[in-house]
C-alpha atoms as a PDB file:
ATOM      1  CA  MET A   1      78.139-133.473  39.779  1.00  0.00           C
ATOM      2  CA  ALA A   2      79.932-132.371  36.654  1.00  0.00           C
ATOM      3  CA  ASP A   3      83.030-131.881  38.814  1.00  0.00           C
ATOM      4  CA  THR A   4      83.104-135.444  40.116  1.00  0.00           C
ATOM      5  CA  PRO A   5      85.968-137.522  38.746  1.00  0.00           C
ATOM      6  CA  CYS A   6      85.087-140.183  36.225  1.00  0.00           C
ATOM      7  CA  SER A   7      87.059-142.803  34.358  1.00  0.00           C
ATOM      8  CA  ALA A   8      85.814-141.721  30.927  1.00  0.00           C
ATOM      9  CA  SER A   9      83.919-138.911  29.295  1.00  0.00           C
ATOM     10  CA  TYR A  10      80.120-138.990  29.090  1.00  0.00           C
ATOM     11  CA  GLY A  11      79.048-142.158  27.357  1.00  0.00           C
ATOM     12  CA  GLY A  12      81.689-144.294  29.034  1.00  0.00           C
ATOM     13  CA  GLU A  13      81.837-145.750  32.483  1.00  0.00           C
ATOM     14  CA  ARG A  14      81.700-143.580  35.570  1.00  0.00           C
ATOM     15  CA  GLU A  15      83.156-145.409  38.569  1.00  0.00           C
ATOM     16  CA  GLY A  16      81.066-148.533  38.153  1.00  0.00           C
ATOM     17  CA  ILE A  17      78.113-146.903  36.443  1.00  0.00           C
ATOM     18  CA  ALA A  18      77.882-147.786  32.755  1.00  0.00           C
ATOM     19  CA  ASP A  19      75.483-146.525  30.086  1.00  0.00           C
ATOM     20  CA  THR A  20      73.194-149.453  30.851  1.00  0.00           C
ATOM     21  CA  GLY A  21      72.983-148.732  34.596  1.00  0.00           C
ATOM     22  CA  PHE A  22      74.910-149.981  37.561  1.00  0.00           C
ATOM     23  CA  ALA A  23      77.714-152.464  37.022  1.00  0.00           C
ATOM     24  CA  ASN A  24      79.552-154.081  39.930  1.00  0.00           C
ATOM     25  CA  TYR A  25      77.407-152.155  42.400  1.00  0.00           C
ATOM     26  CA  THR A  26      77.870-154.771  45.145  1.00  0.00           C
ATOM     27  CA  HIS A  27      81.540-153.851  45.414  1.00  0.00           C
ATOM     28  CA  LEU A  28      80.718-150.133  45.464  1.00  0.00           C
ATOM     29  CA  LYS A  29      78.034-150.599  48.119  1.00  0.00           C
ATOM     30  CA  GLU A  30      80.367-152.636  50.328  1.00  0.00           C
ATOM     31  CA  LYS A  31      83.004-149.925  49.975  1.00  0.00           C
ATOM     32  CA  LEU A  32      80.466-147.217  50.879  1.00  0.00           C
ATOM     33  CA  ASP A  33      79.148-149.213  53.857  1.00  0.00           C
ATOM     34  CA  GLU A  34      82.713-149.625  55.117  1.00  0.00           C
ATOM     35  CA  ILE A  35      83.460-145.903  54.864  1.00  0.00           C
ATOM     36  CA  VAL A  36      80.171-144.479  56.162  1.00  0.00           C
ATOM     37  CA  LYS A  37      79.243-147.135  58.770  1.00  0.00           C
ATOM     38  CA  PHE A  38      75.458-146.757  58.536  1.00  0.00           C
ATOM     39  CA  ASN A  39      73.354-147.585  61.615  1.00  0.00           C
ATOM     40  CA  GLU A  40      70.983-149.844  59.680  1.00  0.00           C
ATOM     41  CA  PRO A  41      71.398-152.063  56.623  1.00  0.00           C
ATOM     42  CA  TRP A  42      70.163-150.663  53.312  1.00  0.00           C
ATOM     43  CA  ILE A  43      69.829-151.613  49.662  1.00  0.00           C
ATOM     44  CA  PHE A  44      69.988-149.507  46.476  1.00  0.00           C
ATOM     45  CA  ARG A  45      66.207-149.726  46.129  1.00  0.00           C
ATOM     46  CA  ASP A  46      66.008-147.625  49.310  1.00  0.00           C
ATOM     47  CA  LEU A  47      67.708-144.805  47.382  1.00  0.00           C
ATOM     48  CA  ARG A  48      65.158-145.110  44.566  1.00  0.00           C
ATOM     49  CA  ARG A  49      62.258-145.033  47.045  1.00  0.00           C
ATOM     50  CA  THR A  50      63.702-142.073  48.942  1.00  0.00           C
ATOM     51  CA  GLY A  51      64.480-140.177  45.746  1.00  0.00           C
ATOM     52  CA  LYS A  52      60.987-140.671  44.310  1.00  0.00           C
ATOM     53  CA  THR A  53      59.336-139.693  47.585  1.00  0.00           C
ATOM     54  CA  ARG A  54      61.480-136.600  48.123  1.00  0.00           C
ATOM     55  CA  VAL A  55      61.228-135.244  44.558  1.00  0.00           C
ATOM     56  CA  SER A  56      57.460-135.661  44.797  1.00  0.00           C
ATOM     57  CA  GLU A  57      57.123-134.158  48.287  1.00  0.00           C
ATOM     58  CA  ASP A  58      59.894-131.558  48.379  1.00  0.00           C
ATOM     59  CA  LEU A  59      60.158-130.538  44.731  1.00  0.00           C
ATOM     60  CA  ASP A  60      56.569-131.063  43.496  1.00  0.00           C
ATOM     61  CA  VAL A  61      57.634-133.321  40.616  1.00  0.00           C
ATOM     62  CA  MET A  62      54.625-134.902  38.902  1.00  0.00           C
ATOM     63  CA  GLY A  63      54.151-138.651  39.363  1.00  0.00           C
ATOM     64  CA  GLU A  64      54.481-139.385  35.653  1.00  0.00           C
ATOM     65  CA  VAL A  65      57.880-137.687  35.605  1.00  0.00           C
ATOM     66  CA  SER A  66      59.214-139.436  38.705  1.00  0.00           C
ATOM     67  CA  GLU A  67      57.978-142.773  37.329  1.00  0.00           C
ATOM     68  CA  SER A  68      59.777-142.050  34.064  1.00  0.00           C
ATOM     69  CA  ILE A  69      62.985-141.147  35.925  1.00  0.00           C
ATOM     70  CA  LEU A  70      62.859-144.586  37.556  1.00  0.00           C
ATOM     71  CA  ASN A  71      62.204-146.131  34.137  1.00  0.00           C
ATOM     72  CA  HIS A  72      58.894-147.647  35.259  1.00  0.00           C
ATOM     73  CA  SER A  73      56.576-148.702  32.453  1.00  0.00           C
ATOM     74  CA  LYS A  74      53.414-146.706  31.875  1.00  0.00           C
ATOM     75  CA  LYS A  75      50.205-148.123  33.249  1.00  0.00           C
ATOM     76  CA  ASP A  76      46.787-148.766  31.767  1.00  0.00           C
ATOM     77  CA  MET A  77      45.661-146.361  29.049  1.00  0.00           C
ATOM     78  CA  ASP A  78      48.821-144.247  29.301  1.00  0.00           C
ATOM     79  CA  ARG A  79      50.594-147.086  27.490  1.00  0.00           C
ATOM     80  CA  VAL A  80      48.316-146.492  24.516  1.00  0.00           C
ATOM     81  CA  TYR A  81      47.673-142.754  24.550  1.00  0.00           C
ATOM     82  CA  ASN A  82      50.675-141.133  26.255  1.00  0.00           C
ATOM     83  CA  ASN A  83      53.868-141.323  24.204  1.00  0.00           C
ATOM     84  CA  ALA A  84      55.625-138.527  26.094  1.00  0.00           C
ATOM     85  CA  ASN A  85      59.222-139.226  27.112  1.00  0.00           C
ATOM     86  CA  TYR A  86      59.372-136.306  29.590  1.00  0.00           C
ATOM     87  CA  LEU A  87      63.008-135.499  28.738  1.00  0.00           C
ATOM     88  CA  ARG A  88      62.758-131.781  29.588  1.00  0.00           C
ATOM     89  CA  GLN A  89      60.791-132.485  32.755  1.00  0.00           C
ATOM     90  CA  LYS A  90      63.212-135.206  33.870  1.00  0.00           C
ATOM     91  CA  LEU A  91      66.186-132.916  33.286  1.00  0.00           C
ATOM     92  CA  ALA A  92      64.512-130.153  35.291  1.00  0.00           C
ATOM     93  CA  ALA A  93      63.563-132.572  38.083  1.00  0.00           C
ATOM     94  CA  LEU A  94      67.018-134.141  38.324  1.00  0.00           C
ATOM     95  CA  THR A  95      68.711-130.740  38.224  1.00  0.00           C
ATOM     96  CA  ALA A  96      66.448-129.544  41.054  1.00  0.00           C
ATOM     97  CA  TRP A  97      67.166-132.783  42.955  1.00  0.00           C
ATOM     98  CA  GLU A  98      70.924-132.249  42.561  1.00  0.00           C
ATOM     99  CA  GLN A  99      70.617-128.677  43.853  1.00  0.00           C
ATOM    100  CA  HIS A 100      68.455-129.865  46.756  1.00  0.00           C
ATOM    101  CA  LEU A 101      71.020-132.514  47.724  1.00  0.00           C
ATOM    102  CA  MET A 102      73.924-130.078  47.391  1.00  0.00           C
ATOM    103  CA  ARG A 103      72.187-127.643  49.773  1.00  0.00           C
ATOM    104  CA  ILE A 104      71.809-130.466  52.304  1.00  0.00           C
ATOM    105  CA  VAL A 105      75.451-131.536  51.947  1.00  0.00           C
ATOM    106  CA  GLU A 106      76.766-127.974  52.152  1.00  0.00           C
ATOM    107  CA  GLN A 107      74.768-127.324  55.343  1.00  0.00           C
ATOM    108  CA  GLY A 108      76.534-130.275  56.929  1.00  0.00           C
END
């Protein structure tokens, strides 16, 4: 992923993705749909659901970490007693996810 072209260095925009999340994603999705020609319609939330499921199932990422990756708020007593930000765990999980995806892509 570090080799992918971007319009600015880290901290700037990266082809429609700003520091605050997706910007102008409708245009990017339409462009992707046009190029790939998927069999069924999809939305970006499908990617979030698939990512969370696969990192949990395939990579054994703990639920708290995958929830934190998706920026979900903590539930119940964890809001009070668990102040962990899981930065190291998220980095490890997302690095493993990148490697997992690259293996799939490279296999064709």
